[in-house]
Each structure stands twice: as C-alpha cells, then as structure tokens.
C-alpha atoms as a PDB file:
ATOM      1  CA  MET A   1      69.210 142.244 146.964  1.00  0.00           C
ATOM      2  CA  LEU A   2      68.289 142.830 143.336  1.00  0.00           C
ATOM      3  CA  ASN A   3      65.462 140.435 142.453  1.00  0.00           C
ATOM      4  CA  ILE A   4      65.441 139.317 138.811  1.00  0.00           C
ATOM      5  CA  ALA A   5      62.367 137.501 137.480  1.00  0.00           C
ATOM      6  CA  LEU A   6      63.155 135.147 134.589  1.00  0.00           C
ATOM      7  CA  LEU A   7      59.893 134.642 132.698  1.00  0.00           C
ATOM      8  CA  GLN A   8      60.366 131.080 131.451  1.00  0.00           C
ATOM      9  CA  ILE A   9      57.003 130.932 129.700  1.00  0.00           C
ATOM     10  CA  GLU A  10      55.322 129.498 126.608  1.00  0.00           C
ATOM     11  CA  PRO A  11      54.212 131.800 123.770  1.00  0.00           C
ATOM     12  CA  ALA A  12      50.462 132.313 123.513  1.00  0.00           C
ATOM     13  CA  GLY A  13      50.315 131.849 119.723  1.00  0.00           C
ATOM     14  CA  SER A  14      49.636 135.425 118.599  1.00  0.00           C
ATOM     15  CA  LEU A  15      50.956 138.935 119.045  1.00  0.00           C
ATOM     16  CA  ARG A  16      47.922 139.934 121.087  1.00  0.00           C
ATOM     17  CA  GLY A  17      48.164 136.765 123.147  1.00  0.00           C
ATOM     18  CA  ASN A  18      51.845 137.321 123.844  1.00  0.00           C
ATOM     19  CA  LEU A  19      51.163 140.906 124.853  1.00  0.00           C
ATOM     20  CA  GLU A  20      48.431 139.908 127.296  1.00  0.00           C
ATOM     21  CA  LYS A  21      50.299 136.923 128.714  1.00  0.00           C
ATOM     22  CA  GLY A  22      53.467 138.976 129.017  1.00  0.00           C
ATOM     23  CA  ARG A  23      51.713 141.722 130.927  1.00  0.00           C
ATOM     24  CA  ASP A  24      50.079 139.182 133.231  1.00  0.00           C
ATOM     25  CA  MET A  25      53.418 137.517 133.970  1.00  0.00           C
ATOM     26  CA  CYS A  26      55.015 140.870 134.759  1.00  0.00           C
ATOM     27  CA  ARG A  27      52.238 141.589 137.240  1.00  0.00           C
ATOM     28  CA  ARG A  28      52.819 138.225 138.877  1.00  0.00           C
ATOM     29  CA  ALA A  29      56.547 138.887 138.995  1.00  0.00           C
ATOM     30  CA  VAL A  30      56.184 142.209 140.801  1.00  0.00           C
ATOM     31  CA  GLU A  31      53.839 140.575 143.314  1.00  0.00           C
ATOM     32  CA  ARG A  32      56.754 138.259 144.135  1.00  0.00           C
ATOM     33  CA  GLY A  33      59.096 141.186 144.681  1.00  0.00           C
ATOM     34  CA  ALA A  34      60.814 141.433 141.297  1.00  0.00           C
ATOM     35  CA  ASP A  35      62.916 144.486 140.487  1.00  0.00           C
ATOM     36  CA  ILE A  36      63.534 143.350 136.877  1.00  0.00           C
ATOM     37  CA  ALA A  37      61.508 141.037 134.636  1.00  0.00           C
ATOM     38  CA  LEU A  38      63.186 139.438 131.606  1.00  0.00           C
ATOM     39  CA  PHE A  39      61.513 137.654 128.691  1.00  0.00           C
ATOM     40  CA  PRO A  40      62.935 134.839 126.556  1.00  0.00           C
ATOM     41  CA  GLU A  41      64.189 135.592 123.049  1.00  0.00           C
ATOM     42  CA  MET A  42      61.883 137.303 120.515  1.00  0.00           C
ATOM     43  CA  TRP A  43      58.802 137.090 122.742  1.00  0.00           C
ATOM     44  CA  SER A  44      56.557 139.051 120.369  1.00  0.00           C
ATOM     45  CA  CYS A  45      56.399 136.074 117.991  1.00  0.00           C
ATOM     46  CA  GLY A  46      57.616 133.224 120.193  1.00  0.00           C
ATOM     47  CA  TYR A  47      60.869 132.967 118.238  1.00  0.00           C
ATOM     48  CA  THR A  48      59.079 132.206 114.986  1.00  0.00           C
ATOM     49  CA  ILE A  49      61.111 133.026 111.846  1.00  0.00           C
ATOM     50  CA  PRO A  50      59.193 132.482 108.594  1.00  0.00           C
ATOM     51  CA  GLN A  51      61.493 131.841 105.655  1.00  0.00           C
ATOM     52  CA  GLU A  52      59.328 133.775 103.203  1.00  0.00           C
ATOM     53  CA  GLN A  53      60.494 137.376 103.433  1.00  0.00           C
ATOM     54  CA  ASP A  54      57.118 139.087 103.109  1.00  0.00           C
ATOM     55  CA  THR A  55      55.690 136.823 105.814  1.00  0.00           C
ATOM     56  CA  LEU A  56      58.676 137.580 108.017  1.00  0.00           C
ATOM     57  CA  ARG A  57      58.247 141.327 107.553  1.00  0.00           C
ATOM     58  CA  ALA A  58      54.527 141.057 108.337  1.00  0.00           C
ATOM     59  CA  LEU A  59      55.336 139.339 111.636  1.00  0.00           C
ATOM     60  CA  ALA A  60      57.700 142.087 112.815  1.00  0.00           C
ATOM     61  CA  VAL A  61      56.631 144.941 115.094  1.00  0.00           C
ATOM     62  CA  GLU A  62      57.819 148.523 115.167  1.00  0.00           C
ATOM     63  CA  ARG A  63      60.479 149.565 117.640  1.00  0.00           C
ATOM     64  CA  ASP A  64      58.209 152.339 118.905  1.00  0.00           C
ATOM     65  CA  GLY A  65      54.966 150.487 118.251  1.00  0.00           C
ATOM     66  CA  GLU A  66      52.197 149.457 120.602  1.00  0.00           C
ATOM     67  CA  PHE A  67      53.605 146.046 121.561  1.00  0.00           C
ATOM     68  CA  VAL A  68      56.926 147.400 122.842  1.00  0.00           C
ATOM     69  CA  ASN A  69      55.593 150.625 124.316  1.00  0.00           C
ATOM     70  CA  ALA A  70      52.925 148.727 126.250  1.00  0.00           C
ATOM     71  CA  PHE A  71      55.692 147.260 128.374  1.00  0.00           C
ATOM     72  CA  GLY A  72      57.155 150.697 128.978  1.00  0.00           C
ATOM     73  CA  ARG A  73      53.833 151.856 130.374  1.00  0.00           C
ATOM     74  CA  LEU A  74      53.602 148.673 132.422  1.00  0.00           C
ATOM     75  CA  ALA A  75      57.094 149.204 133.856  1.00  0.00           C
ATOM     76  CA  ARG A  76      56.031 152.663 135.030  1.00  0.00           C
ATOM     77  CA  GLU A  77      52.776 151.297 136.471  1.00  0.00           C
ATOM     78  CA  LEU A  78      54.451 148.427 138.324  1.00  0.00           C
ATOM     79  CA  HIS A  79      57.564 150.400 139.294  1.00  0.00           C
ATOM     80  CA  MET A  80      59.624 147.492 137.914  1.00  0.00           C
ATOM     81  CA  ALA A  81      62.199 147.324 135.123  1.00  0.00           C
ATOM     82  CA  ILE A  82      61.190 145.168 132.143  1.00  0.00           C
ATOM     83  CA  GLY A  83      63.354 143.670 129.384  1.00  0.00           C
ATOM     84  CA  VAL A  84      60.980 142.774 126.552  1.00  0.00           C
ATOM     85  CA  THR A  85      62.085 141.025 123.365  1.00  0.00           C
ATOM     86  CA  TYR A  86      60.620 141.220 119.887  1.00  0.00           C
ATOM     87  CA  LEU A  87      61.064 140.741 116.157  1.00  0.00           C
ATOM     88  CA  GLU A  88      61.833 144.316 115.142  1.00  0.00           C
ATOM     89  CA  ALA A  89      60.657 145.802 111.849  1.00  0.00           C
ATOM     90  CA  PHE A  90      63.839 146.938 110.138  1.00  0.00           C
ATOM     91  CA  ASN A  91      65.290 147.418 106.646  1.00  0.00           C
ATOM     92  CA  PRO A  92      66.198 145.433 104.684  1.00  0.00           C
ATOM     93  CA  LEU A  93      64.897 142.660 106.971  1.00  0.00           C
ATOM     94  CA  PRO A  94      63.797 142.435 110.623  1.00  0.00           C
ATOM     95  CA  ARG A  95      66.094 142.233 113.664  1.00  0.00           C
ATOM     96  CA  ASN A  96      66.086 140.137 116.840  1.00  0.00           C
ATOM     97  CA  SER A  97      65.822 142.849 119.500  1.00  0.00           C
ATOM     98  CA  LEU A  98      65.403 143.759 123.155  1.00  0.00           C
ATOM     99  CA  ALA A  99      64.069 146.941 124.738  1.00  0.00           C
ATOM    100  CA  LEU A 100      64.832 147.613 128.402  1.00  0.00           C
ATOM    101  CA  PHE A 101      62.624 149.962 130.417  1.00  0.00           C
ATOM    102  CA  ASP A 102      63.494 151.187 133.893  1.00  0.00           C
ATOM    103  CA  ARG A 103      61.042 151.358 136.799  1.00  0.00           C
ATOM    104  CA  PHE A 104      59.823 154.765 135.632  1.00  0.00           C
ATOM    105  CA  GLY A 105      59.001 153.439 132.168  1.00  0.00           C
ATOM    106  CA  ARG A 106      61.970 155.168 130.582  1.00  0.00           C
ATOM    107  CA  ARG A 107      63.568 153.311 127.704  1.00  0.00           C
ATOM    108  CA  VAL A 108      67.221 153.042 128.682  1.00  0.00           C
ATOM    109  CA  LEU A 109      68.590 150.338 126.360  1.00  0.00           C
ATOM    110  CA  ASP A 110      67.900 149.028 122.864  1.00  0.00           C
ATOM    111  CA  TYR A 111      69.873 146.058 121.623  1.00  0.00           C
ATOM    112  CA  ALA A 112      69.724 144.001 118.410  1.00  0.00           C
ATOM    113  CA  LYS A 113      71.399 140.581 118.312  1.00  0.00           C
ATOM    114  CA  VAL A 114      74.878 140.954 116.818  1.00  0.00           C
ATOM    115  CA  HIS A 115      75.730 137.274 116.330  1.00  0.00           C
ATOM    116  CA  THR A 116      72.781 136.025 114.309  1.00  0.00           C
ATOM    117  CA  CYS A 117      72.703 132.282 113.584  1.00  0.00           C
ATOM    118  CA  ASP A 118      73.444 132.637 109.870  1.00  0.00           C
ATOM    119  CA  PHE A 119      73.755 128.863 109.479  1.00  0.00           C
ATOM    120  CA  GLY A 120      70.019 128.532 110.235  1.00  0.00           C
ATOM    121  CA  ASP A 121      66.737 130.423 110.052  1.00  0.00           C
ATOM    122  CA  GLU A 122      68.293 133.630 111.374  1.00  0.00           C
ATOM    123  CA  ARG A 123      70.210 134.112 108.117  1.00  0.00           C
ATOM    124  CA  LEU A 124      67.210 136.215 107.043  1.00  0.00           C
ATOM    125  CA  LEU A 125      67.536 138.624 109.971  1.00  0.00           C
ATOM    126  CA  THR A 126      69.570 141.822 109.965  1.00  0.00           C
ATOM    127  CA  PRO A 127      72.376 141.611 112.563  1.00  0.00           C
ATOM    128  CA  GLY A 128      72.820 144.298 115.184  1.00  0.00           C
ATOM    129  CA  GLU A 129      75.823 146.616 115.048  1.00  0.00           C
ATOM    130  CA  ASP A 130      77.116 147.089 118.598  1.00  0.00           C
ATOM    131  CA  PHE A 131      76.888 146.266 122.302  1.00  0.00           C
ATOM    132  CA  HIS A 132      75.540 148.866 124.692  1.00  0.00           C
ATOM    133  CA  VAL A 133      75.531 149.463 128.443  1.00  0.00           C
ATOM    134  CA  CYS A 134      73.063 151.638 130.331  1.00  0.00           C
ATOM    135  CA  THR A 135      72.483 152.721 133.898  1.00  0.00           C
ATOM    136  CA  LEU A 136      69.274 150.952 134.866  1.00  0.00           C
ATOM    137  CA  ASP A 137      67.300 152.603 137.656  1.00  0.00           C
ATOM    138  CA  THR A 138      65.786 149.903 139.877  1.00  0.00           C
ATOM    139  CA  ALA A 139      64.135 149.953 143.296  1.00  0.00           C
ATOM    140  CA  GLN A 140      67.483 148.691 144.630  1.00  0.00           C
ATOM    141  CA  GLY A 141      69.405 151.544 143.055  1.00  0.00           C
ATOM    142  CA  PRO A 142      71.230 152.038 139.741  1.00  0.00           C
ATOM    143  CA  VAL A 143      72.788 149.002 138.022  1.00  0.00           C
ATOM    144  CA  ARG A 144      75.092 149.164 135.002  1.00  0.00           C
ATOM    145  CA  THR A 145      73.374 146.778 132.608  1.00  0.00           C
ATOM    146  CA  GLY A 146      74.040 145.327 129.150  1.00  0.00           C
ATOM    147  CA  ALA A 147      72.499 142.614 126.993  1.00  0.00           C
ATOM    148  CA  MET A 148      73.420 139.660 124.833  1.00  0.00           C
ATOM    149  CA  ILE A 149      70.929 137.465 122.983  1.00  0.00           C
ATOM    150  CA  CYS A 150      71.349 133.668 122.801  1.00  0.00           C
ATOM    151  CA  TYR A 151      74.143 132.956 120.252  1.00  0.00           C
ATOM    152  CA  ASP A 152      76.002 136.094 121.388  1.00  0.00           C
ATOM    153  CA  ARG A 153      76.840 134.046 124.469  1.00  0.00           C
ATOM    154  CA  GLU A 154      79.092 131.753 122.419  1.00  0.00           C
ATOM    155  CA  PHE A 155      81.588 134.544 121.743  1.00  0.00           C
ATOM    156  CA  PRO A 156      83.699 135.697 124.713  1.00  0.00           C
ATOM    157  CA  GLU A 157      84.041 139.087 123.032  1.00  0.00           C
ATOM    158  CA  SER A 158      80.352 139.870 123.618  1.00  0.00           C
ATOM    159  CA  ALA A 159      80.543 139.803 127.395  1.00  0.00           C
ATOM    160  CA  ARG A 160      84.073 141.215 127.374  1.00  0.00           C
ATOM    161  CA  ILE A 161      83.106 144.411 125.568  1.00  0.00           C
ATOM    162  CA  LEU A 162      80.128 144.844 127.898  1.00  0.00           C
ATOM    163  CA  MET A 163      82.440 144.484 130.907  1.00  0.00           C
ATOM    164  CA  LEU A 164      84.856 147.003 129.418  1.00  0.00           C
ATOM    165  CA  ARG A 165      81.948 149.415 128.986  1.00  0.00           C
ATOM    166  CA  GLY A 166      81.062 149.082 132.658  1.00  0.00           C
ATOM    167  CA  ALA A 167      78.432 146.359 132.845  1.00  0.00           C
ATOM    168  CA  GLU A 168      77.759 144.771 136.237  1.00  0.00           C
ATOM    169  CA  LEU A 169      74.807 142.735 134.947  1.00  0.00           C
ATOM    170  CA  ILE A 170      74.184 141.163 131.524  1.00  0.00           C
ATOM    171  CA  LEU A 171      70.630 140.182 130.561  1.00  0.00           C
ATOM    172  CA  VAL A 172      70.466 137.257 128.108  1.00  0.00           C
ATOM    173  CA  PRO A 173      67.170 136.337 126.404  1.00  0.00           C
ATOM    174  CA  ASN A 174      67.477 132.834 124.958  1.00  0.00           C
ATOM    175  CA  ALA A 175      65.745 130.235 122.748  1.00  0.00           C
ATOM    176  CA  CYS A 176      67.696 126.961 122.561  1.00  0.00           C
ATOM    177  CA  PRO A 177      68.533 123.886 124.660  1.00  0.00           C
ATOM    178  CA  MET A 178      70.565 125.012 127.670  1.00  0.00           C
ATOM    179  CA  GLU A 179      72.735 121.956 128.183  1.00  0.00           C
ATOM    180  CA  ILE A 180      75.939 121.580 130.174  1.00  0.00           C
ATOM    181  CA  ASN A 181      78.242 123.237 127.642  1.00  0.00           C
ATOM    182  CA  ARG A 182      76.077 126.307 127.071  1.00  0.00           C
ATOM    183  CA  LEU A 183      75.575 126.652 130.807  1.00  0.00           C
ATOM    184  CA  SER A 184      79.350 126.446 131.158  1.00  0.00           C
ATOM    185  CA  GLN A 185      79.709 129.323 128.694  1.00  0.00           C
ATOM    186  CA  LEU A 186      77.492 131.511 130.858  1.00  0.00           C
ATOM    187  CA  ARG A 187      79.369 130.481 133.984  1.00  0.00           C
ATOM    188  CA  GLY A 188      82.629 131.355 132.234  1.00  0.00           C
ATOM    189  CA  ARG A 189      81.400 134.745 131.000  1.00  0.00           C
ATOM    190  CA  ALA A 190      80.358 135.661 134.564  1.00  0.00           C
ATOM    191  CA  TYR A 191      83.581 134.378 136.146  1.00  0.00           C
ATOM    192  CA  GLU A 192      86.103 135.933 133.755  1.00  0.00           C
ATOM    193  CA  ASN A 193      84.397 139.325 133.708  1.00  0.00           C
ATOM    194  CA  MET A 194      83.353 139.447 137.383  1.00  0.00           C
ATOM    195  CA  LEU A 195      79.758 140.320 136.589  1.00  0.00           C
ATOM    196  CA  ALA A 196      76.314 138.742 136.815  1.00  0.00           C
ATOM    197  CA  VAL A 197      74.702 136.966 133.849  1.00  0.00           C
ATOM    198  CA  ALA A 198      70.939 136.353 133.945  1.00  0.00           C
ATOM    199  CA  THR A 199      69.525 134.168 131.139  1.00  0.00           C
ATOM    200  CA  CYS A 200      65.844 133.557 130.357  1.00  0.00           C
ATOM    201  CA  ASN A 201      64.928 130.603 128.121  1.00  0.00           C
ATOM    202  CA  TYR A 202      61.663 129.097 126.898  1.00  0.00           C
ATOM    203  CA  PRO A 203      60.406 126.008 128.794  1.00  0.00           C
ATOM    204  CA  ALA A 204      60.810 122.431 127.549  1.00  0.00           C
ATOM    205  CA  SER A 205      57.284 122.479 126.107  1.00  0.00           C
ATOM    206  CA  VAL A 206      58.569 124.828 123.364  1.00  0.00           C
ATOM    207  CA  PRO A 207      60.334 123.003 120.478  1.00  0.00           C
ATOM    208  CA  ASP A 208      64.135 123.005 120.672  1.00  0.00           C
ATOM    209  CA  CYS A 209      64.132 124.548 124.148  1.00  0.00           C
ATOM    210  CA  ASN A 210      64.431 123.011 127.611  1.00  0.00           C
ATOM    211  CA  GLY A 211      64.081 125.757 130.216  1.00  0.00           C
ATOM    212  CA  HIS A 212      67.017 125.863 132.645  1.00  0.00           C
ATOM    213  CA  SER A 213      67.052 129.636 132.839  1.00  0.00           C
ATOM    214  CA  THR A 214      69.950 130.679 135.042  1.00  0.00           C
ATOM    215  CA  CYS A 215      71.651 133.430 136.959  1.00  0.00           C
ATOM    216  CA  PHE A 216      75.379 133.414 137.688  1.00  0.00           C
ATOM    217  CA  ASP A 217      76.545 136.126 140.074  1.00  0.00           C
ATOM    218  CA  GLY A 218      80.235 136.013 139.049  1.00  0.00           C
ATOM    219  CA  VAL A 219      81.524 135.965 142.645  1.00  0.00           C
ATOM    220  CA  ALA A 220      83.929 133.020 142.820  1.00  0.00           C
ATOM    221  CA  TYR A 221      85.689 133.817 146.107  1.00  0.00           C
ATOM    222  CA  LEU A 222      84.502 135.205 149.431  1.00  0.00           C
ATOM    223  CA  PRO A 223      86.697 136.499 152.266  1.00  0.00           C
ATOM    224  CA  GLY A 224      87.438 133.775 154.781  1.00  0.00           C
ATOM    225  CA  MET A 225      86.166 131.042 152.466  1.00  0.00           C
ATOM    226  CA  THR A 226      88.460 128.153 151.564  1.00  0.00           C
ATOM    227  CA  GLY A 227      88.506 127.562 147.814  1.00  0.00           C
ATOM    228  CA  SER A 228      85.920 128.843 145.365  1.00  0.00           C
ATOM    229  CA  ARG A 229      82.132 128.894 145.459  1.00  0.00           C
ATOM    230  CA  ASP A 230      79.498 128.012 142.894  1.00  0.00           C
ATOM    231  CA  THR A 231      78.587 131.231 141.080  1.00  0.00           C
ATOM    232  CA  CYS A 232      75.219 129.783 139.988  1.00  0.00           C
ATOM    233  CA  ILE A 233      72.576 131.333 142.232  1.00  0.00           C
ATOM    234  CA  LEU A 234      69.635 130.020 140.188  1.00  0.00           C
ATOM    235  CA  GLU A 235      69.010 127.242 137.695  1.00  0.00           C
ATOM    236  CA  ALA A 236      65.398 126.592 136.745  1.00  0.00           C
ATOM    237  CA  ASP A 237      63.956 123.237 135.802  1.00  0.00           C
ATOM    238  CA  GLY A 238      62.320 122.622 132.427  1.00  0.00           C
ATOM    239  CA  GLY A 239      58.830 123.741 133.354  1.00  0.00           C
ATOM    240  CA  GLU A 240      56.913 126.916 132.661  1.00  0.00           C
ATOM    241  CA  GLY A 241      57.071 129.501 135.398  1.00  0.00           C
ATOM    242  CA  ILE A 242      58.554 132.629 136.892  1.00  0.00           C
ATOM    243  CA  PHE A 243      61.967 131.945 138.402  1.00  0.00           C
ATOM    244  CA  MET A 244      63.454 134.465 140.805  1.00  0.00           C
ATOM    245  CA  ALA A 245      67.158 135.159 141.276  1.00  0.00           C
ATOM    246  CA  SER A 246      68.338 137.388 144.131  1.00  0.00           C
ATOM    247  CA  LEU A 247      71.597 139.148 143.274  1.00  0.00           C
ATOM    248  CA  ASP A 248      73.683 140.639 146.081  1.00  0.00           C
ATOM    249  CA  LEU A 249      74.986 143.786 144.400  1.00  0.00           C
ATOM    250  CA  ASP A 250      77.017 144.934 147.386  1.00  0.00           C
ATOM    251  CA  THR A 251      78.938 141.654 147.469  1.00  0.00           C
ATOM    252  CA  LEU A 252      79.458 141.734 143.707  1.00  0.00           C
ATOM    253  CA  ARG A 253      80.769 145.305 143.779  1.00  0.00           C
ATOM    254  CA  THR A 254      83.139 144.610 146.671  1.00  0.00           C
ATOM    255  CA  TYR A 255      84.421 141.545 144.824  1.00  0.00           C
ATOM    256  CA  ARG A 256      84.933 143.488 141.580  1.00  0.00           C
ATOM    257  CA  ALA A 257      86.957 146.102 143.463  1.00  0.00           C
ATOM    258  CA  ARG A 258      89.496 143.613 144.831  1.00  0.00           C
ATOM    259  CA  GLU A 259      89.762 140.490 142.647  1.00  0.00           C
ATOM    260  CA  VAL A 260      92.073 139.761 139.726  1.00  0.00           C
ATOM    261  CA  HIS A 261      89.772 139.083 136.763  1.00  0.00           C
ATOM    262  CA  GLY A 262      87.915 141.559 134.546  1.00  0.00           C
ATOM    263  CA  ASN A 263      90.125 144.375 133.322  1.00  0.00           C
ATOM    264  CA  ALA A 264      92.691 144.465 136.127  1.00  0.00           C
ATOM    265  CA  TYR A 265      95.621 142.703 134.477  1.00  0.00           C
ATOM    266  CA  ARG A 266      94.721 142.492 130.802  1.00  0.00           C
ATOM    267  CA  ARG A 267      97.345 143.183 128.088  1.00  0.00           C
ATOM    268  CA  PRO A 268      95.295 144.632 125.213  1.00  0.00           C
ATOM    269  CA  LYS A 269      98.360 145.440 123.101  1.00  0.00           C
ATOM    270  CA  LYS A 270      99.001 141.687 122.798  1.00  0.00           C
ATOM    271  CA  TYR A 271      95.542 140.867 121.462  1.00  0.00           C
ATOM    272  CA  GLY A 272      95.725 142.233 117.916  1.00  0.00           C
ATOM    273  CA  ASP A 273      94.802 138.923 116.279  1.00  0.00           C
ATOM    274  CA  ILE A 274      91.397 139.023 117.961  1.00  0.00           C
ATOM    275  CA  VAL A 275      90.247 141.905 115.752  1.00  0.00           C
ATOM    276  CA  LYS A 276      91.751 140.647 112.501  1.00  0.00           C
ATOM    277  CA  GLU A 277      89.084 139.793 109.933  1.00  0.00           C
ATOM    278  CA  GLU A 278      90.936 137.006 108.139  1.00  0.00           C
ATOM    279  CA  ILE A 279      89.329 133.557 108.461  1.00  0.00           C
ATOM    280  CA  ARG A 280      91.335 130.415 107.823  1.00  0.00           C
ATOM    281  CA  GLU A 281      90.559 126.719 107.602  1.00  0.00           C
ATOM    282  CA  PRO A 282      88.942 124.883 109.270  1.00  0.00           C
ATOM    283  CA  PHE A 283      86.594 127.797 110.033  1.00  0.00           C
ATOM    284  CA  ILE A 284      85.659 128.953 106.531  1.00  0.00           C
ATOM    285  CA  ARG A 285      81.884 128.784 106.022  1.00  0.00           C
ATOM    286  CA  PRO A 286      80.214 129.753 102.722  1.00  0.00           C
ATOM    287  CA  ASP A 287      77.126 131.188 104.486  1.00  0.00           C
ATOM    288  CA  ARG A 288      79.081 133.604 106.705  1.00  0.00           C
ATOM    289  CA  ARG A 289      78.133 137.261 106.424  1.00  0.00           C
ATOM    290  CA  ASP A 290      80.464 140.204 106.973  1.00  0.00           C
END
C-alpha cells in the first residue's frame, strides 16, 4: 500500500510559521506511516493573494530558496516524499506552484498552475505553461506522478494529458469549498483515466474552504464483483488534521492493464475541436487571458 498523508491544516500566519508548522506536520505524517505528504494550495502564504503588485511580489518565495529547499532536506531526513506548495517568485508576476521531492530529497517535479482563476484574485498570477509527469521514488517503489492545482481540476484536459503522459497518481493541492459537484469532478477524473487522484484542501476554519480532502483510487470494477465499487477511498471531514489514504498500487495497475477506459479505445483524430482556440457565445469573457 502507498500511504498518502493529506495535510489538511490551517496556515500559521507567516512564512516562518508555515515553514515550522509544515515541517512538524510532515514529521507527524511519517510517524503514521506516510510515504507521501501533500500540502494544500500555496502553503507558503496560506493562499493569500494581495492585489497590490509590489506587495504580491514581496510575499513570493524563490523556487530554489530556503522555504522550498527546507522540505527537500526534510524529505531526505524522513525518507518520505513531500509535495510542498508556494507562491513562486516569477516574472512578470508570481506563480502558484508545487515542488515534489522524493524520499531521497531529490526534486523530481515542478508544476505551476495552468488554469489560474482569472475571474478573481488569481488574475494577477502568471499561469503555468504545461503539465508534467515524473517517476516518484517512494518506499513502496516508483510511482508515475503528476499534479494539478485546484481550478485545473475543472478541465478534463488537465487529467487527460497527465494520463497520456503516464501518470498513475495525480496530486491536487486545493483551496476552495469541496462540495458535491467538485468532488464529482475528481471522481470523474479518476474514473475516466483509470488513475488515482489525491486532493488536499484547507480545513473549514480557513475562509472559503471546508476541508473534505479526498483520494479516489480510480478502480471502478473488481474481478468477481457484481456492479461497480465506490472509488473514493478517503474523504476527510471539515476539521484540521492529517488524513491518510492507503492506495493499492498493485490493484490499480492490474485494473489499468485490463479495463476499457484511459487510452485504450480513444479516437484522437476525431477530437480536433478540443484544441481549437476560437471561443463563442455564451462563453466569451472579457477578462480571459490567452
């Protein structure tokens, strides 16, 4: 079993506080047998986005700075993979980013949120450019891993491209209310791509969040089982805490090798409209960025 610790925790109110609390929570997670620890979205600043650009830039941290690298050293010390999130210093304006370290402290994945919420505060952030998949070395063996961040979840293309690039597991830092429809999106992304989706949200004590971090394993059918099964293997409550999901990789891989979803019967030549850039009514929005 691959044990994923979802750190559904409140920000501490400062960069230093978030660093110390984050390290403490990772230590607690490994004591409970975690192979991977995942933070909620933009942990370095607690998903704070000042609307004054100089203030926003001052809040950002360097990609290779002390805050991020501290978790790389901690991953090596604890022999546990860590996905840490942060407001990344970037030009012209900061990005909403994740760095993933393997159990040896090696940085194996960097991801910046592609689908920024340009209708809200995130219009000031620089969007990411691509989706990436890495081979993550864990104590349970290598796992092909990708990432989405929050609003990325709302676009089937995000998870689809990660599946096509080999992902078995998608890590999803989050900062919003996880209600029935958003949870259904995650369930759908796992089901249609035959992969696991692990999402870490802030608890209900954080404004505009409600906890309910989840893990969907993507395995809808088991041999000898009548009908389908619930792919949700973990749904947290709204409180602060470390929530553990145990993912059966062997079962997932056997399922992916025999079932009909994912890339088995797709017809890519029929999907040309998906990559067309034209936008028509009723979807035209004046604040959309290219």
